[in-house]
Amino acid sequence: MPGTDAFKTEGVVVEALPNNTYRVELANGHRLLGYVAGKAKALSAGLRPGARVKLELSPYDLSQGRILVDRQ
């Protein structure tokens, strides 16, 4: 997903799944699989159902997206 093809959106975590993956629901009702990649895995320990997250989606596959974690 590197480059300018990816776009960002927001959603709400619905369900926490194994291996740092989450079921996320977008504002339009679409549900997708969100994952945390790289060094952000250490910062994502606090993600629980109901948490608002920002996602980066590829225009080629809208069924999954990378969860962007803000550094605090």
PDB file of N, CA and C in Angstrom:
ATOM      1  N   MET A   1       0.789  -1.200   0.000  1.00  0.00           N
ATOM      2  CA  MET A   1       0.000   0.000   0.000  1.00  0.00           C
ATOM      3  C   MET A   1       0.835   1.271   0.000  1.00  0.00           C
ATOM      4  N   PRO A   2       2.099   1.247  -0.221  1.00  0.00           N
ATOM      5  CA  PRO A   2       2.835   2.493  -0.221  1.00  0.00           C
ATOM      6  C   PRO A   2       2.462   3.345  -1.425  1.00  0.00           C
ATOM      7  N   GLY A   3       2.701   4.622  -1.294  1.00  0.00           N
ATOM      8  CA  GLY A   3       2.407   5.523  -2.395  1.00  0.00           C
ATOM      9  C   GLY A   3       1.137   6.303  -2.155  1.00  0.00           C
ATOM     10  N   THR A   4       0.636   6.894  -3.219  1.00  0.00           N
ATOM     11  CA  THR A   4      -0.529   7.756  -3.093  1.00  0.00           C
ATOM     12  C   THR A   4      -1.833   7.033  -3.374  1.00  0.00           C
ATOM     13  N   ASP A   5      -1.783   5.742  -3.683  1.00  0.00           N
ATOM     14  CA  ASP A   5      -3.006   5.004  -3.979  1.00  0.00           C
ATOM     15  C   ASP A   5      -3.863   4.761  -2.750  1.00  0.00           C
ATOM     16  N   ALA A   6      -3.242   4.619  -1.591  1.00  0.00           N
ATOM     17  CA  ALA A   6      -3.982   4.316  -0.369  1.00  0.00           C
ATOM     18  C   ALA A   6      -4.767   5.543   0.097  1.00  0.00           C
ATOM     19  N   PHE A   7      -5.922   5.306   0.699  1.00  0.00           N
ATOM     20  CA  PHE A   7      -6.692   6.410   1.270  1.00  0.00           C
ATOM     21  C   PHE A   7      -7.024   6.095   2.712  1.00  0.00           C
ATOM     22  N   LYS A   8      -7.315   7.134   3.475  1.00  0.00           N
ATOM     23  CA  LYS A   8      -7.536   6.997   4.914  1.00  0.00           C
ATOM     24  C   LYS A   8      -8.996   7.218   5.245  1.00  0.00           C
ATOM     25  N   THR A   9      -9.458   6.466   6.252  1.00  0.00           N
ATOM     26  CA  THR A   9     -10.830   6.580   6.731  1.00  0.00           C
ATOM     27  C   THR A   9     -10.848   6.257   8.221  1.00  0.00           C
ATOM     28  N   GLU A  10     -11.990   6.454   8.850  1.00  0.00           N
ATOM     29  CA  GLU A  10     -12.132   6.159  10.276  1.00  0.00           C
ATOM     30  C   GLU A  10     -13.191   5.087  10.484  1.00  0.00           C
ATOM     31  N   GLY A  11     -13.031   4.347  11.577  1.00  0.00           N
ATOM     32  CA  GLY A  11     -13.987   3.308  11.909  1.00  0.00           C
ATOM     33  C   GLY A  11     -13.978   3.030  13.400  1.00  0.00           C
ATOM     34  N   VAL A  12     -14.804   2.071  13.806  1.00  0.00           N
ATOM     35  CA  VAL A  12     -14.931   1.685  15.208  1.00  0.00           C
ATOM     36  C   VAL A  12     -14.621   0.194  15.319  1.00  0.00           C
ATOM     37  N   VAL A  13     -13.787  -0.168  16.289  1.00  0.00           N
ATOM     38  CA  VAL A  13     -13.455  -1.570  16.517  1.00  0.00           C
ATOM     39  C   VAL A  13     -14.689  -2.276  17.064  1.00  0.00           C
ATOM     40  N   VAL A  14     -15.074  -3.358  16.412  1.00  0.00           N
ATOM     41  CA  VAL A  14     -16.244  -4.126  16.824  1.00  0.00           C
ATOM     42  C   VAL A  14     -15.824  -5.363  17.609  1.00  0.00           C
ATOM     43  N   GLU A  15     -14.715  -5.994  17.163  1.00  0.00           N
ATOM     44  CA  GLU A  15     -14.298  -7.249  17.770  1.00  0.00           C
ATOM     45  C   GLU A  15     -12.776  -7.359  17.697  1.00  0.00           C
ATOM     46  N   ALA A  16     -12.162  -7.825  18.774  1.00  0.00           N
ATOM     47  CA  ALA A  16     -10.720  -8.078  18.801  1.00  0.00           C
ATOM     48  C   ALA A  16     -10.487  -9.541  18.451  1.00  0.00           C
ATOM     49  N   LEU A  17      -9.625  -9.777  17.472  1.00  0.00           N
ATOM     50  CA  LEU A  17      -9.300 -11.125  17.009  1.00  0.00           C
ATOM     51  C   LEU A  17      -7.844 -11.428  17.344  1.00  0.00           C
ATOM     52  N   PRO A  18      -7.404 -12.674  17.205  1.00  0.00           N
ATOM     53  CA  PRO A  18      -6.007 -13.012  17.511  1.00  0.00           C
ATOM     54  C   PRO A  18      -5.022 -12.334  16.558  1.00  0.00           C
ATOM     55  N   ASN A  19      -3.755 -12.280  16.978  1.00  0.00           N
ATOM     56  CA  ASN A  19      -2.637 -11.785  16.168  1.00  0.00           C
ATOM     57  C   ASN A  19      -2.763 -10.319  15.759  1.00  0.00           C
ATOM     58  N   ASN A  20      -3.190  -9.479  16.686  1.00  0.00           N
ATOM     59  CA  ASN A  20      -3.300  -8.039  16.435  1.00  0.00           C
ATOM     60  C   ASN A  20      -4.185  -7.711  15.240  1.00  0.00           C
ATOM     61  N   THR A  21      -5.259  -8.436  15.080  1.00  0.00           N
ATOM     62  CA  THR A  21      -6.244  -8.126  14.052  1.00  0.00           C
ATOM     63  C   THR A  21      -7.560  -7.778  14.726  1.00  0.00           C
ATOM     64  N   TYR A  22      -8.342  -6.952  14.057  1.00  0.00           N
ATOM     65  CA  TYR A  22      -9.583  -6.443  14.632  1.00  0.00           C
ATOM     66  C   TYR A  22     -10.647  -6.373  13.547  1.00  0.00           C
ATOM     67  N   ARG A  23     -11.908  -6.602  13.930  1.00  0.00           N
ATOM     68  CA  ARG A  23     -13.035  -6.391  13.034  1.00  0.00           C
ATOM     69  C   ARG A  23     -13.449  -4.943  13.234  1.00  0.00           C
ATOM     70  N   VAL A  24     -13.445  -4.158  12.150  1.00  0.00           N
ATOM     71  CA  VAL A  24     -13.713  -2.721  12.221  1.00  0.00           C
ATOM     72  C   VAL A  24     -14.929  -2.399  11.360  1.00  0.00           C
ATOM     73  N   GLU A  25     -15.807  -1.550  11.887  1.00  0.00           N
ATOM     74  CA  GLU A  25     -16.987  -1.113  11.138  1.00  0.00           C
ATOM     75  C   GLU A  25     -16.818   0.344  10.750  1.00  0.00           C
ATOM     76  N   LEU A  26     -17.005   0.635   9.469  1.00  0.00           N
ATOM     77  CA  LEU A  26     -16.911   2.003   8.966  1.00  0.00           C
ATOM     78  C   LEU A  26     -18.240   2.720   9.162  1.00  0.00           C
ATOM     79  N   ALA A  27     -18.261   4.021   8.904  1.00  0.00           N
ATOM     80  CA  ALA A  27     -19.470   4.815   9.106  1.00  0.00           C
ATOM     81  C   ALA A  27     -20.609   4.373   8.191  1.00  0.00           C
ATOM     82  N   ASN A  28     -20.286   3.824   7.023  1.00  0.00           N
ATOM     83  CA  ASN A  28     -21.330   3.398   6.086  1.00  0.00           C
ATOM     84  C   ASN A  28     -21.848   1.991   6.378  1.00  0.00           C
ATOM     85  N   GLY A  29     -21.367   1.359   7.470  1.00  0.00           N
ATOM     86  CA  GLY A  29     -21.833   0.038   7.864  1.00  0.00           C
ATOM     87  C   GLY A  29     -20.983  -1.103   7.338  1.00  0.00           C
ATOM     88  N   HIS A  30     -20.026  -0.814   6.476  1.00  0.00           N
ATOM     89  CA  HIS A  30     -19.148  -1.844   5.925  1.00  0.00           C
ATOM     90  C   HIS A  30     -18.196  -2.338   7.002  1.00  0.00           C
ATOM     91  N   ARG A  31     -18.064  -3.659   7.149  1.00  0.00           N
ATOM     92  CA  ARG A  31     -17.139  -4.240   8.125  1.00  0.00           C
ATOM     93  C   ARG A  31     -15.949  -4.827   7.390  1.00  0.00           C
ATOM     94  N   LEU A  32     -14.767  -4.622   7.953  1.00  0.00           N
ATOM     95  CA  LEU A  32     -13.556  -5.141   7.341  1.00  0.00           C
ATOM     96  C   LEU A  32     -12.585  -5.591   8.406  1.00  0.00           C
ATOM     97  N   LEU A  33     -11.528  -6.252   7.972  1.00  0.00           N
ATOM     98  CA  LEU A  33     -10.501  -6.757   8.864  1.00  0.00           C
ATOM     99  C   LEU A  33      -9.399  -5.710   8.956  1.00  0.00           C
ATOM    100  N   GLY A  34      -9.108  -5.244  10.167  1.00  0.00           N
ATOM    101  CA  GLY A  34      -8.039  -4.277  10.376  1.00  0.00           C
ATOM    102  C   GLY A  34      -6.876  -4.938  11.087  1.00  0.00           C
ATOM    103  N   TYR A  35      -5.667  -4.602  10.680  1.00  0.00           N
ATOM    104  CA  TYR A  35      -4.486  -5.178  11.309  1.00  0.00           C
ATOM    105  C   TYR A  35      -3.504  -4.077  11.664  1.00  0.00           C
ATOM    106  N   VAL A  36      -2.673  -4.363  12.650  1.00  0.00           N
ATOM    107  CA  VAL A  36      -1.643  -3.432  13.098  1.00  0.00           C
ATOM    108  C   VAL A  36      -0.313  -4.000  12.635  1.00  0.00           C
ATOM    109  N   ALA A  37       0.493  -3.189  11.962  1.00  0.00           N
ATOM    110  CA  ALA A  37       1.748  -3.674  11.392  1.00  0.00           C
ATOM    111  C   ALA A  37       2.946  -2.926  11.980  1.00  0.00           C
ATOM    112  N   GLY A  38       4.063  -3.601  12.012  1.00  0.00           N
ATOM    113  CA  GLY A  38       5.333  -2.985  12.376  1.00  0.00           C
ATOM    114  C   GLY A  38       5.441  -2.620  13.843  1.00  0.00           C
ATOM    115  N   LYS A  39       6.120  -1.503  14.096  1.00  0.00           N
ATOM    116  CA  LYS A  39       6.369  -1.060  15.470  1.00  0.00           C
ATOM    117  C   LYS A  39       5.106  -0.597  16.173  1.00  0.00           C
ATOM    118  N   ALA A  40       4.051  -0.376  15.430  1.00  0.00           N
ATOM    119  CA  ALA A  40       2.793   0.066  16.027  1.00  0.00           C
ATOM    120  C   ALA A  40       2.130  -1.029  16.857  1.00  0.00           C
ATOM    121  N   LYS A  41       2.575  -2.274  16.721  1.00  0.00           N
ATOM    122  CA  LYS A  41       1.990  -3.361  17.507  1.00  0.00           C
ATOM    123  C   LYS A  41       2.144  -3.109  19.003  1.00  0.00           C
ATOM    124  N   ALA A  42       3.255  -2.526  19.406  1.00  0.00           N
ATOM    125  CA  ALA A  42       3.476  -2.245  20.825  1.00  0.00           C
ATOM    126  C   ALA A  42       2.534  -1.164  21.333  1.00  0.00           C
ATOM    127  N   LEU A  43       2.143  -0.234  20.476  1.00  0.00           N
ATOM    128  CA  LEU A  43       1.263   0.857  20.876  1.00  0.00           C
ATOM    129  C   LEU A  43      -0.218   0.485  20.798  1.00  0.00           C
ATOM    130  N   SER A  44      -0.518  -0.644  20.168  1.00  0.00           N
ATOM    131  CA  SER A  44      -1.920  -1.005  19.947  1.00  0.00           C
ATOM    132  C   SER A  44      -2.509  -1.867  21.052  1.00  0.00           C
ATOM    133  N   ALA A  45      -1.811  -2.043  22.154  1.00  0.00           N
ATOM    134  CA  ALA A  45      -2.294  -2.917  23.216  1.00  0.00           C
ATOM    135  C   ALA A  45      -3.609  -2.425  23.813  1.00  0.00           C
ATOM    136  N   GLY A  46      -3.904  -1.149  23.719  1.00  0.00           N
ATOM    137  CA  GLY A  46      -5.105  -0.600  24.319  1.00  0.00           C
ATOM    138  C   GLY A  46      -6.331  -0.628  23.433  1.00  0.00           C
ATOM    139  N   LEU A  47      -6.258  -1.229  22.253  1.00  0.00           N
ATOM    140  CA  LEU A  47      -7.425  -1.259  21.368  1.00  0.00           C
ATOM    141  C   LEU A  47      -8.444  -2.264  21.874  1.00  0.00           C
ATOM    142  N   ARG A  48      -9.631  -1.795  22.132  1.00  0.00           N
ATOM    143  CA  ARG A  48     -10.735  -2.616  22.626  1.00  0.00           C
ATOM    144  C   ARG A  48     -11.968  -2.333  21.772  1.00  0.00           C
ATOM    145  N   PRO A  49     -12.956  -3.203  21.801  1.00  0.00           N
ATOM    146  CA  PRO A  49     -14.200  -2.908  21.085  1.00  0.00           C
ATOM    147  C   PRO A  49     -14.787  -1.567  21.536  1.00  0.00           C
ATOM    148  N   GLY A  50     -15.182  -0.776  20.562  1.00  0.00           N
ATOM    149  CA  GLY A  50     -15.702   0.560  20.820  1.00  0.00           C
ATOM    150  C   GLY A  50     -14.689   1.657  20.583  1.00  0.00           C
ATOM    151  N   ALA A  51     -13.422   1.307  20.390  1.00  0.00           N
ATOM    152  CA  ALA A  51     -12.373   2.309  20.167  1.00  0.00           C
ATOM    153  C   ALA A  51     -12.452   2.836  18.736  1.00  0.00           C
ATOM    154  N   ARG A  52     -12.301   4.146  18.570  1.00  0.00           N
ATOM    155  CA  ARG A  52     -12.275   4.756  17.247  1.00  0.00           C
ATOM    156  C   ARG A  52     -10.847   4.683  16.718  1.00  0.00           C
ATOM    157  N   VAL A  53     -10.693   4.244  15.468  1.00  0.00           N
ATOM    158  CA  VAL A  53      -9.374   4.086  14.860  1.00  0.00           C
ATOM    159  C   VAL A  53      -9.360   4.706  13.470  1.00  0.00           C
ATOM    160  N   LYS A  54      -8.160   5.038  13.008  1.00  0.00           N
ATOM    161  CA  LYS A  54      -7.954   5.497  11.638  1.00  0.00           C
ATOM    162  C   LYS A  54      -7.372   4.335  10.850  1.00  0.00           C
ATOM    163  N   LEU A  55      -7.859   4.162   9.623  1.00  0.00           N
ATOM    164  CA  LEU A  55      -7.444   3.050   8.774  1.00  0.00           C
ATOM    165  C   LEU A  55      -6.872   3.575   7.466  1.00  0.00           C
ATOM    166  N   GLU A  56      -5.946   2.826   6.912  1.00  0.00           N
ATOM    167  CA  GLU A  56      -5.409   3.106   5.593  1.00  0.00           C
ATOM    168  C   GLU A  56      -5.811   1.935   4.701  1.00  0.00           C
ATOM    169  N   LEU A  57      -6.570   2.221   3.650  1.00  0.00           N
ATOM    170  CA  LEU A  57      -7.105   1.186   2.770  1.00  0.00           C
ATOM    171  C   LEU A  57      -6.500   1.278   1.387  1.00  0.00           C
ATOM    172  N   SER A  58      -6.322   0.133   0.776  1.00  0.00           N
ATOM    173  CA  SER A  58      -5.871   0.067  -0.600  1.00  0.00           C
ATOM    174  C   SER A  58      -7.106   0.085  -1.508  1.00  0.00           C
ATOM    175  N   PRO A  59      -7.066   0.782  -2.623  1.00  0.00           N
ATOM    176  CA  PRO A  59      -8.229   0.772  -3.525  1.00  0.00           C
ATOM    177  C   PRO A  59      -8.413  -0.580  -4.209  1.00  0.00           C
ATOM    178  N   TYR A  60      -7.431  -1.458  -4.116  1.00  0.00           N
ATOM    179  CA  TYR A  60      -7.500  -2.751  -4.773  1.00  0.00           C
ATOM    180  C   TYR A  60      -8.177  -3.815  -3.910  1.00  0.00           C
ATOM    181  N   ASP A  61      -8.135  -3.654  -2.579  1.00  0.00           N
ATOM    182  CA  ASP A  61      -8.735  -4.636  -1.677  1.00  0.00           C
ATOM    183  C   ASP A  61      -9.380  -3.897  -0.514  1.00  0.00           C
ATOM    184  N   LEU A  62     -10.696  -3.744  -0.565  1.00  0.00           N
ATOM    185  CA  LEU A  62     -11.408  -2.997   0.471  1.00  0.00           C
ATOM    186  C   LEU A  62     -11.882  -3.893   1.615  1.00  0.00           C
ATOM    187  N   SER A  63     -11.443  -5.141   1.643  1.00  0.00           N
ATOM    188  CA  SER A  63     -11.867  -6.046   2.709  1.00  0.00           C
ATOM    189  C   SER A  63     -10.921  -6.027   3.906  1.00  0.00           C
ATOM    190  N   GLN A  64      -9.771  -5.358   3.777  1.00  0.00           N
ATOM    191  CA  GLN A  64      -8.840  -5.259   4.895  1.00  0.00           C
ATOM    192  C   GLN A  64      -8.101  -3.935   4.818  1.00  0.00           C
ATOM    193  N   GLY A  65      -7.613  -3.490   5.982  1.00  0.00           N
ATOM    194  CA  GLY A  65      -6.897  -2.235   6.037  1.00  0.00           C
ATOM    195  C   GLY A  65      -5.932  -2.204   7.210  1.00  0.00           C
ATOM    196  N   ARG A  66      -4.965  -1.324   7.135  1.00  0.00           N
ATOM    197  CA  ARG A  66      -3.969  -1.173   8.189  1.00  0.00           C
ATOM    198  C   ARG A  66      -4.450  -0.109   9.161  1.00  0.00           C
ATOM    199  N   ILE A  67      -4.406  -0.448  10.450  1.00  0.00           N
ATOM    200  CA  ILE A  67      -4.798   0.486  11.498  1.00  0.00           C
ATOM    201  C   ILE A  67      -3.614   1.386  11.794  1.00  0.00           C
ATOM    202  N   LEU A  68      -3.848   2.688  11.744  1.00  0.00           N
ATOM    203  CA  LEU A  68      -2.808   3.670  12.030  1.00  0.00           C
ATOM    204  C   LEU A  68      -2.895   4.057  13.493  1.00  0.00           C
ATOM    205  N   VAL A  69      -1.808   3.921  14.214  1.00  0.00           N
ATOM    206  CA  VAL A  69      -1.772   4.222  15.643  1.00  0.00           C
ATOM    207  C   VAL A  69      -1.014   5.520  15.838  1.00  0.00           C
ATOM    208  N   ASP A  70      -1.664   6.484  16.496  1.00  0.00           N
ATOM    209  CA  ASP A  70      -1.006   7.757  16.801  1.00  0.00           C
ATOM    210  C   ASP A  70      -0.059   7.594  17.964  1.00  0.00           C
ATOM    211  N   ARG A  71       1.142   8.144  17.832  1.00  0.00           N
ATOM    212  CA  ARG A  71       2.095   8.121  18.944  1.00  0.00           C
ATOM    213  C   ARG A  71       1.722   9.201  19.925  1.00  0.00           C
ATOM    214  N   GLN A  72       1.707   8.839  21.202  1.00  0.00           N
ATOM    215  CA  GLN A  72       1.327   9.815  22.239  1.00  0.00           C
ATOM    216  C   GLN A  72       2.429  10.014  23.216  1.00  0.00           C
TER     217      GLN A  72
END
